[in-house]
Amino acid sequence: SAPPPSPASDVAGADIYRLPGSAFVAPPPLLAMPVSPPLSTTLLSLELRATQVADGGVKALASSCFSEKGWGVLRVLDLRGNFISDRGAAALADALMRPGGAPKLEELNLGLNRVGDPGAMELCAAFEQGAAPRLRDLALGSYMGDLAAGAIAQGG
């Protein structure tokens, strides 16, 4: 049985959720649940490292988290080591472009996944169009080639 999410609060009462690596089958039940407005307005960091989120989980996360109400205060999204491919990266890019998206997102970690040039280019296009304007730390891993690496290096 998977351990429950580990909620913690900072001094301002904002939430940080860490879900340690476990044997989830994508999409994890946590991501399939509707997100309540109080959580979506206080969640600063969502860390789902090595939880087997995969593309289906990213799509569920994108549809629940980045709706019009969005997770406006989310600063860190850590999805490293989750079997996410170009399809998952494209779903995330699409979600980040929605109204409300992630205006305060500073860190996005998709390292140790299977995001190649197509997925990385989708994310670059979203960032070029203004998605996640505060993003300062992006990790995509080693599946992308020179095309995507060049686009990222040029700030797109």
Protein backbone atom coordinates (compact mmCIF):
# COMPACT_ATOMS: atom_id res chain seq x y z
CA SER A 1 0.00 0.00 0.00
CA ALA A 2 1.28 3.43 -0.91
CA PRO A 3 2.11 5.89 1.84
CA PRO A 4 -0.27 8.84 2.14
CA PRO A 5 0.79 12.26 0.86
CA SER A 6 2.89 14.16 3.33
CA PRO A 7 1.37 17.59 3.89
CA ALA A 8 3.44 20.30 5.49
CA SER A 9 2.77 23.97 5.96
CA ASP A 10 5.09 26.90 5.81
CA VAL A 11 4.78 29.86 8.17
CA ALA A 12 2.15 31.48 5.95
CA GLY A 13 -0.05 28.37 6.03
CA ALA A 14 0.65 27.37 2.41
CA ASP A 15 0.81 23.67 1.63
CA ILE A 16 3.60 21.48 0.33
CA TYR A 17 2.73 17.91 -0.74
CA ARG A 18 5.41 15.27 -1.07
CA LEU A 19 4.51 11.81 -2.23
CA PRO A 20 7.49 9.47 -1.93
CA GLY A 21 8.20 6.92 -4.64
CA SER A 22 5.70 4.09 -4.51
CA ALA A 23 3.95 1.48 -6.59
CA PHE A 24 1.22 3.66 -8.06
CA VAL A 25 -0.32 2.61 -11.33
CA ALA A 26 -0.89 5.66 -13.52
CA PRO A 27 -2.94 7.68 -13.08
CA PRO A 28 -2.53 7.68 -9.30
CA PRO A 29 -5.74 7.99 -7.28
CA LEU A 30 -4.41 11.24 -5.81
CA LEU A 31 -4.45 12.85 -9.26
CA ALA A 32 -7.87 11.51 -10.19
CA MET A 33 -9.55 13.28 -7.29
CA PRO A 34 -11.08 16.72 -7.88
CA VAL A 35 -8.99 19.50 -6.42
CA SER A 36 -10.74 21.53 -3.78
CA PRO A 37 -10.48 25.32 -4.05
CA PRO A 38 -8.81 25.76 -0.62
CA LEU A 39 -5.96 23.40 -1.56
CA SER A 40 -5.58 24.87 -5.04
CA THR A 41 -5.15 28.35 -3.59
CA THR A 42 -2.55 27.38 -0.97
CA LEU A 43 -0.41 24.69 -2.60
CA LEU A 44 3.14 25.98 -3.14
CA SER A 45 4.93 22.75 -4.01
CA LEU A 46 3.74 19.46 -5.48
CA GLU A 47 6.46 16.81 -5.40
CA LEU A 48 5.51 13.52 -7.06
CA ARG A 49 8.95 12.01 -7.65
CA ALA A 50 9.10 8.42 -8.93
CA THR A 51 5.41 7.73 -8.35
CA GLN A 52 4.75 6.25 -11.82
CA VAL A 53 2.51 9.17 -12.76
CA ALA A 54 3.16 8.61 -16.51
CA ASP A 55 1.28 10.41 -19.27
CA GLY A 56 -2.19 9.54 -17.94
CA GLY A 57 -1.37 11.05 -14.58
CA VAL A 58 0.01 14.21 -16.16
CA LYS A 59 -3.21 14.58 -18.16
CA ALA A 60 -5.28 14.16 -14.98
CA LEU A 61 -3.06 16.62 -13.15
CA ALA A 62 -3.31 19.10 -16.01
CA SER A 63 -7.10 18.90 -16.21
CA SER A 64 -7.62 19.30 -12.47
CA CYS A 65 -4.82 21.65 -11.52
CA PHE A 66 -4.58 24.05 -14.38
CA SER A 67 -8.23 24.88 -14.91
CA GLU A 68 -9.50 28.45 -15.07
CA LYS A 69 -9.16 28.69 -11.30
CA GLY A 70 -5.68 27.21 -11.64
CA TRP A 71 -3.22 26.65 -8.88
CA GLY A 72 -2.27 30.28 -8.83
CA VAL A 73 0.33 30.05 -6.08
CA LEU A 74 2.04 26.80 -7.19
CA ARG A 75 5.80 27.46 -7.34
CA VAL A 76 7.32 23.97 -7.63
CA LEU A 77 6.10 21.02 -9.70
CA ASP A 78 8.43 18.02 -9.41
CA LEU A 79 7.49 15.10 -11.63
CA ARG A 80 10.93 13.54 -12.10
CA GLY A 81 11.25 9.82 -12.71
CA ASN A 82 7.65 9.13 -13.76
CA PHE A 83 7.74 7.58 -17.26
CA ILE A 84 6.40 10.81 -18.79
CA SER A 85 6.79 11.00 -22.57
CA ASP A 86 6.23 13.64 -25.23
CA ARG A 87 2.45 13.15 -24.87
CA GLY A 88 2.58 14.02 -21.18
CA ALA A 89 4.82 17.03 -21.80
CA ALA A 90 2.42 18.26 -24.51
CA ALA A 91 -0.55 17.90 -22.12
CA LEU A 92 1.35 19.88 -19.50
CA ALA A 93 2.29 22.57 -22.04
CA ASP A 94 -1.35 22.87 -23.09
CA ALA A 95 -2.47 23.14 -19.46
CA LEU A 96 0.11 25.82 -18.68
CA MET A 97 -1.34 27.96 -21.49
CA ARG A 98 -4.87 27.93 -20.05
CA PRO A 99 -6.20 30.99 -18.25
CA GLY A 100 -5.05 30.77 -14.65
CA GLY A 101 -2.30 28.31 -15.65
CA ALA A 102 0.67 28.66 -13.34
CA PRO A 103 1.63 32.32 -13.12
CA LYS A 104 3.95 31.78 -10.14
CA LEU A 105 5.57 28.50 -11.22
CA GLU A 106 9.33 28.85 -10.68
CA GLU A 107 10.55 25.24 -10.89
CA LEU A 108 9.43 22.46 -13.22
CA ASN A 109 11.29 19.17 -12.98
CA LEU A 110 10.58 16.56 -15.65
CA GLY A 111 14.04 14.98 -15.41
CA LEU A 112 14.50 11.21 -15.52
CA ASN A 113 11.49 10.90 -17.84
CA ARG A 114 11.18 10.19 -21.56
CA VAL A 115 10.54 13.69 -22.86
CA GLY A 116 12.19 14.06 -26.27
CA ASP A 117 12.35 16.86 -28.82
CA PRO A 118 8.59 16.96 -29.60
CA GLY A 119 7.57 17.31 -25.94
CA ALA A 120 10.37 19.73 -25.12
CA MET A 121 9.44 21.88 -28.13
CA GLU A 122 5.79 21.94 -27.00
CA LEU A 123 6.90 23.23 -23.61
CA CYS A 124 9.23 25.79 -25.23
CA ALA A 125 6.39 27.06 -27.40
CA ALA A 126 4.19 27.47 -24.32
CA PHE A 127 6.93 29.39 -22.49
CA GLU A 128 7.50 31.62 -25.54
CA GLN A 129 3.78 32.46 -25.47
CA GLY A 130 3.96 33.54 -21.83
CA ALA A 131 3.20 30.36 -19.88
CA ALA A 132 4.84 30.23 -16.45
CA PRO A 133 6.41 33.69 -16.70
CA ARG A 134 8.36 33.24 -13.44
CA LEU A 135 9.93 29.91 -14.44
CA ARG A 136 13.63 29.96 -13.58
CA ASP A 137 14.49 26.27 -13.23
CA LEU A 138 13.55 23.70 -15.89
CA ALA A 139 14.80 20.10 -15.91
CA LEU A 140 13.85 17.87 -18.85
CA GLY A 141 16.35 15.01 -18.85
CA SER A 142 18.46 13.45 -21.56
CA TYR A 143 15.97 12.19 -24.16
CA MET A 144 15.88 15.43 -26.10
CA GLY A 145 18.25 16.20 -28.93
CA ASP A 146 20.03 19.25 -30.26
CA LEU A 147 16.87 20.87 -31.64
CA ALA A 148 15.10 21.18 -28.29
CA ALA A 149 18.33 21.88 -26.39
CA GLY A 150 19.02 24.80 -28.75
CA ALA A 151 15.51 26.21 -28.31
CA ILE A 152 15.82 26.01 -24.54
CA ALA A 153 19.27 27.62 -24.60
CA GLN A 154 17.83 30.53 -26.59
CA GLY A 155 15.29 31.14 -23.85
CA GLY A 156 12.30 29.65 -25.59
